[in-house]
Amino acid sequence: MKSKGLFLVFVTLFLVSQAFAGWVMEEVSSYGGEQKSTDIRYVQQNKVKSVGSETIIIDLEKGIFNFIIPEREAYWSGTPKEFRKLMEEGKKMMEEQQLKSMTPEQREAYKQYMKTREEEVKTVAPKQKVEVKKTSEKAKIAGYSGQKYEVWVDGKLKEELWVCADIMPRDDIDIKKLDQFFKTMNEPDEDEGSYESSPEYEKIATYMEKGYKLKSITYDEHGMEKSVGETIKIEKKNIADSEFKVPKNYKKLNDEEFIRGMMKQ
């Protein structure tokens, strides 16, 4: 799970939340022009549900993260800190299984590779120069007007954003708490140093100070289109509280059951 990407998605949703009404949003994403996925998200009163390749329910007030597995009629529930611990344990178990299936030569090569990776992580990358430029272009997206912005990193176009100023942040949303929620889920330093963690980018894309992000296009280092995310439907409505609850007939998985289930995917 790309935690930073996931955080940006949920920030977008929380920013348009209102006290007595919620929002249902549908977004289509593609990677490399081929892989496509659709996510339907519900948000209301600091609660979020995302239904796509993964089904997730978050209660920001209680600080609870629910990972739903519909095909097994099961779920795991816990805090962001507990979730991160499980993911770390799962990675360790997968590594141990891989090592057992390797020859002595392969194991030695793998250990050398991991040692190199650890050294690379410790190396402090030079700070990137991030510029966010407002353009003169606008586009109609999901029935709303989107103002186009460009994100330049070290002189190269990295991302294009279309932002709707008619959908603005609400003062009663605790964005700092949400930010901390996802940072706790994240591995330490996973996003540190990326252009997405720069103040310039966070202002426009993460905290949406200019409005709601309707569409984004990212580019690779060669200027080729890498990924596209576009909102195709936005509906403002009251959402039943049951939408944010785990079905009563679903089995709650313990930590070991959840990890082993994730490893089989």
Protein backbone atom coordinates (compact mmCIF):
# COMPACT_ATOMS: atom_id res chain seq x y z
CA MET A 1 0.00 0.00 0.00
CA LYS A 2 1.36 3.39 -0.95
CA SER A 3 0.78 5.24 2.22
CA LYS A 4 1.63 8.71 0.93
CA GLY A 5 -0.68 8.26 -2.01
CA LEU A 6 -3.35 6.98 0.23
CA PHE A 7 -2.92 9.99 2.58
CA LEU A 8 -3.37 12.46 -0.29
CA VAL A 9 -6.57 10.72 -1.34
CA PHE A 10 -8.07 10.89 2.13
CA VAL A 11 -6.98 14.47 2.73
CA THR A 12 -8.90 15.39 -0.41
CA LEU A 13 -11.99 13.66 0.91
CA PHE A 14 -11.87 15.14 4.39
CA LEU A 15 -11.43 18.65 3.11
CA VAL A 16 -14.85 18.65 1.48
CA SER A 17 -16.65 17.07 4.44
CA GLN A 18 -19.50 19.04 6.04
CA ALA A 19 -21.13 18.67 9.45
CA PHE A 20 -24.57 17.44 8.35
CA ALA A 21 -23.89 16.02 4.91
CA GLY A 22 -21.40 13.69 3.37
CA TRP A 23 -19.90 13.09 -0.04
CA VAL A 24 -19.76 10.10 -2.36
CA MET A 25 -16.98 10.30 -4.92
CA GLU A 26 -15.88 8.05 -7.72
CA GLU A 27 -12.38 8.19 -9.17
CA VAL A 28 -10.75 6.31 -12.04
CA SER A 29 -6.99 5.80 -11.94
CA SER A 30 -4.62 4.38 -14.55
CA TYR A 31 -0.93 3.56 -14.50
CA GLY A 32 1.12 3.56 -17.67
CA GLY A 33 -2.04 3.98 -19.71
CA GLU A 34 -2.99 0.36 -19.13
CA GLN A 35 -3.78 -0.63 -15.56
CA LYS A 36 -7.09 0.93 -14.57
CA SER A 37 -8.90 0.91 -11.26
CA THR A 38 -12.03 2.51 -9.89
CA ASP A 39 -12.44 3.68 -6.32
CA ILE A 40 -15.68 4.79 -4.68
CA ARG A 41 -15.22 6.80 -1.51
CA TYR A 42 -17.63 7.90 1.18
CA VAL A 43 -16.83 10.66 3.66
CA GLN A 44 -18.88 12.16 6.47
CA GLN A 45 -18.13 13.59 9.93
CA ASN A 46 -14.49 12.47 10.08
CA LYS A 47 -15.26 8.97 8.84
CA VAL A 48 -14.06 7.60 5.52
CA LYS A 49 -14.74 4.46 3.53
CA SER A 50 -12.82 3.58 0.37
CA VAL A 51 -13.97 0.74 -1.86
CA GLY A 52 -11.58 -0.30 -4.62
CA SER A 53 -8.74 -2.78 -4.84
CA GLU A 54 -8.83 -2.60 -1.04
CA THR A 55 -11.76 -1.80 1.23
CA ILE A 56 -10.84 0.46 4.12
CA ILE A 57 -12.83 2.23 6.81
CA ILE A 58 -11.26 4.92 8.99
CA ASP A 59 -12.73 6.55 12.07
CA LEU A 60 -10.52 9.56 12.64
CA GLU A 61 -12.09 10.45 15.99
CA LYS A 62 -11.45 7.00 17.45
CA GLY A 63 -8.15 6.59 15.62
CA ILE A 64 -9.21 3.20 14.25
CA PHE A 65 -8.24 1.64 10.93
CA ASN A 66 -10.39 -1.21 9.54
CA PHE A 67 -9.10 -3.37 6.69
CA ILE A 68 -12.04 -5.24 5.14
CA ILE A 69 -11.73 -8.51 3.18
CA PRO A 70 -15.17 -9.05 1.56
CA GLU A 71 -14.24 -12.28 -0.25
CA ARG A 72 -13.44 -13.88 3.12
CA GLU A 73 -16.18 -12.04 5.04
CA ALA A 74 -13.47 -11.00 7.47
CA TYR A 75 -11.66 -7.91 8.69
CA TRP A 76 -8.78 -6.65 10.79
CA SER A 77 -9.11 -3.62 13.08
CA GLY A 78 -6.54 -1.61 14.99
CA THR A 79 -4.64 1.63 15.38
CA PRO A 80 -2.24 3.04 12.74
CA LYS A 81 0.70 2.07 14.95
CA GLU A 82 -0.55 -1.52 15.25
CA PHE A 83 -1.07 -1.72 11.49
CA ARG A 84 2.48 -0.56 10.76
CA LYS A 85 3.88 -3.10 13.21
CA LEU A 86 1.97 -5.88 11.46
CA MET A 87 3.21 -4.81 8.04
CA GLU A 88 6.79 -4.85 9.33
CA GLU A 89 6.29 -8.33 10.76
CA GLY A 90 4.72 -9.49 7.50
CA LYS A 91 7.68 -8.24 5.47
CA LYS A 92 10.08 -10.05 7.80
CA MET A 93 8.12 -13.32 7.46
CA MET A 94 8.09 -13.04 3.66
CA GLU A 95 11.82 -12.39 3.63
CA GLU A 96 12.46 -15.46 5.78
CA GLN A 97 10.37 -17.62 3.45
CA GLN A 98 12.23 -16.34 0.40
CA LEU A 99 15.61 -17.02 2.02
CA LYS A 100 14.63 -20.62 2.78
CA SER A 101 13.87 -21.27 -0.90
CA MET A 102 17.22 -19.81 -2.09
CA THR A 103 20.52 -21.51 -2.73
CA PRO A 104 23.48 -20.43 -0.53
CA GLU A 105 24.78 -18.30 -3.43
CA GLN A 106 21.39 -16.62 -3.90
CA ARG A 107 21.12 -15.91 -0.18
CA GLU A 108 24.53 -14.27 -0.14
CA ALA A 109 23.65 -12.14 -3.18
CA TYR A 110 20.36 -11.13 -1.56
CA LYS A 111 22.10 -10.12 1.67
CA GLN A 112 24.56 -7.99 -0.28
CA TYR A 113 21.67 -6.36 -2.15
CA MET A 114 19.85 -5.54 1.10
CA LYS A 115 23.05 -4.15 2.61
CA THR A 116 23.43 -1.82 -0.38
CA ARG A 117 19.79 -0.75 -0.07
CA GLU A 118 20.25 0.09 3.62
CA GLU A 119 23.28 2.22 2.81
CA GLU A 120 21.32 4.05 0.10
CA VAL A 121 18.53 4.81 2.58
CA LYS A 122 21.04 6.32 5.00
CA THR A 123 22.42 8.56 2.26
CA VAL A 124 20.86 12.03 2.45
CA ALA A 125 19.47 12.94 -0.97
CA PRO A 126 19.93 16.53 -2.15
CA LYS A 127 16.92 18.74 -1.56
CA GLN A 128 14.71 19.02 -4.60
CA LYS A 129 13.61 22.37 -5.96
CA VAL A 130 9.81 22.29 -6.15
CA GLU A 131 7.75 24.93 -7.92
CA VAL A 132 3.95 25.02 -8.24
CA LYS A 133 2.79 27.20 -11.13
CA LYS A 134 -0.76 28.37 -11.76
CA THR A 135 -1.61 28.28 -15.47
CA SER A 136 -4.27 30.10 -17.49
CA GLU A 137 -6.01 26.81 -18.35
CA LYS A 138 -9.26 25.49 -16.89
CA ALA A 139 -11.28 22.33 -17.55
CA LYS A 140 -14.72 20.96 -16.72
CA ILE A 141 -14.33 17.80 -14.66
CA ALA A 142 -17.22 15.88 -13.07
CA GLY A 143 -19.40 18.98 -13.53
CA TYR A 144 -16.97 21.31 -11.75
CA SER A 145 -14.49 23.86 -13.05
CA GLY A 146 -10.89 22.88 -12.44
CA GLN A 147 -8.00 25.35 -12.46
CA LYS A 148 -4.81 23.82 -13.83
CA TYR A 149 -1.55 23.92 -11.86
CA GLU A 150 1.83 22.51 -12.81
CA VAL A 151 4.34 20.99 -10.39
CA TRP A 152 7.96 21.35 -11.48
CA VAL A 153 10.75 19.42 -9.73
CA ASP A 154 14.36 20.42 -10.44
CA GLY A 155 13.25 22.13 -13.65
CA LYS A 156 11.19 19.19 -14.97
CA LEU A 157 7.40 18.87 -15.16
CA LYS A 158 6.44 16.24 -12.57
CA GLU A 159 2.70 16.64 -12.14
CA GLU A 160 -0.34 18.50 -13.45
CA LEU A 161 -3.26 19.22 -11.12
CA TRP A 162 -6.78 20.50 -11.74
CA VAL A 163 -8.19 22.13 -8.61
CA CYS A 164 -11.77 23.27 -7.95
CA ALA A 165 -11.92 26.49 -5.89
CA ASP A 166 -15.70 26.08 -5.37
CA ILE A 167 -15.08 23.17 -3.02
CA MET A 168 -12.99 24.56 -0.18
CA PRO A 169 -11.64 23.19 3.14
CA ARG A 170 -13.80 23.25 6.27
CA ASP A 171 -12.48 24.73 9.50
CA ASP A 172 -13.81 21.83 11.62
CA ILE A 173 -11.60 19.18 9.98
CA ASP A 174 -8.52 18.31 12.00
CA ILE A 175 -6.06 17.94 9.13
CA LYS A 176 -3.07 17.72 11.47
CA LYS A 177 -4.62 14.72 13.19
CA LEU A 178 -5.25 13.09 9.80
CA ASP A 179 -1.70 13.80 8.71
CA GLN A 180 -0.34 12.21 11.88
CA PHE A 181 -2.67 9.22 11.40
CA PHE A 182 -1.06 8.32 8.07
CA LYS A 183 2.46 9.22 9.13
CA THR A 184 2.11 6.71 11.96
CA MET A 185 1.00 4.05 9.46
CA ASN A 186 3.94 4.86 7.23
CA GLU A 187 7.39 3.37 7.57
CA PRO A 188 9.87 5.89 8.97
CA ASP A 189 11.33 8.17 6.29
CA GLU A 190 9.35 6.43 3.52
CA ASP A 191 8.33 9.71 1.92
CA GLU A 192 10.98 11.98 3.42
CA GLY A 193 12.79 13.92 0.74
CA SER A 194 10.18 13.36 -1.98
CA TYR A 195 8.65 16.33 -3.78
CA GLU A 196 5.28 15.34 -2.29
CA SER A 197 6.57 16.17 1.20
CA SER A 198 7.70 19.67 0.20
CA PRO A 199 5.76 22.66 1.63
CA GLU A 200 5.06 23.92 -1.90
CA TYR A 201 3.36 20.67 -2.93
CA GLU A 202 1.57 20.07 0.36
CA LYS A 203 -0.02 23.52 0.17
CA ILE A 204 -1.71 22.86 -3.16
CA ALA A 205 -2.12 19.06 -3.23
CA THR A 206 -2.08 17.70 0.30
CA TYR A 207 -3.89 20.37 2.29
CA MET A 208 -5.79 21.72 -0.72
CA GLU A 209 -5.57 25.37 0.29
CA LYS A 210 -6.73 26.34 -3.21
CA GLY A 211 -9.63 23.88 -3.31
CA TYR A 212 -10.43 20.26 -4.14
CA LYS A 213 -8.21 18.25 -6.47
CA LEU A 214 -10.34 16.90 -9.33
CA LYS A 215 -7.60 15.40 -11.50
CA SER A 216 -3.87 14.76 -11.53
CA ILE A 217 -1.35 13.51 -14.08
CA THR A 218 2.18 12.50 -13.05
CA TYR A 219 5.21 12.12 -15.31
CA ASP A 220 8.37 10.04 -15.06
CA GLU A 221 11.93 11.35 -15.32
CA HIS A 222 11.73 11.16 -19.13
CA GLY A 223 8.60 13.31 -19.33
CA MET A 224 6.37 10.33 -20.19
CA GLU A 225 2.92 10.06 -18.65
CA LYS A 226 3.12 7.78 -15.62
CA SER A 227 -0.27 7.84 -13.90
CA VAL A 228 -3.63 9.57 -14.11
CA GLY A 229 -6.28 10.01 -11.42
CA GLU A 230 -9.59 11.66 -12.29
CA THR A 231 -12.83 12.22 -10.39
CA ILE A 232 -15.74 11.20 -12.61
CA LYS A 233 -18.60 11.67 -10.15
CA ILE A 234 -19.24 13.73 -7.02
CA GLU A 235 -22.48 13.53 -5.06
CA LYS A 236 -23.32 15.43 -1.88
CA LYS A 237 -25.70 13.45 0.33
CA ASN A 238 -26.41 12.23 3.85
CA ILE A 239 -24.77 8.85 4.32
CA ALA A 240 -26.14 6.23 6.70
CA ASP A 241 -23.80 5.59 9.64
CA SER A 242 -24.00 1.86 8.85
CA GLU A 243 -21.94 2.55 5.70
CA PHE A 244 -18.94 3.19 7.94
CA LYS A 245 -19.34 0.02 10.02
CA VAL A 246 -17.98 -3.47 9.44
CA PRO A 247 -20.78 -5.96 8.58
CA LYS A 248 -21.90 -7.78 11.74
CA ASN A 249 -21.46 -11.24 10.20
CA TYR A 250 -17.78 -10.62 9.33
CA LYS A 251 -15.12 -12.45 11.33
CA LYS A 252 -12.51 -10.35 13.12
CA LEU A 253 -9.04 -11.68 12.32
CA ASN A 254 -6.28 -11.79 14.87
CA ASP A 255 -2.84 -10.45 13.95
CA GLU A 256 -1.43 -13.78 12.77
CA GLU A 257 -4.48 -14.60 10.63
CA PHE A 258 -4.34 -11.16 9.02
CA ILE A 259 -0.61 -11.32 8.23
CA ARG A 260 -0.82 -14.83 6.72
CA GLY A 261 -3.84 -13.80 4.66
CA MET A 262 -1.98 -10.78 3.29
CA MET A 263 1.04 -12.92 2.43
CA LYS A 264 -1.13 -15.19 0.26
CA GLN A 265 -2.37 -12.30 -1.90
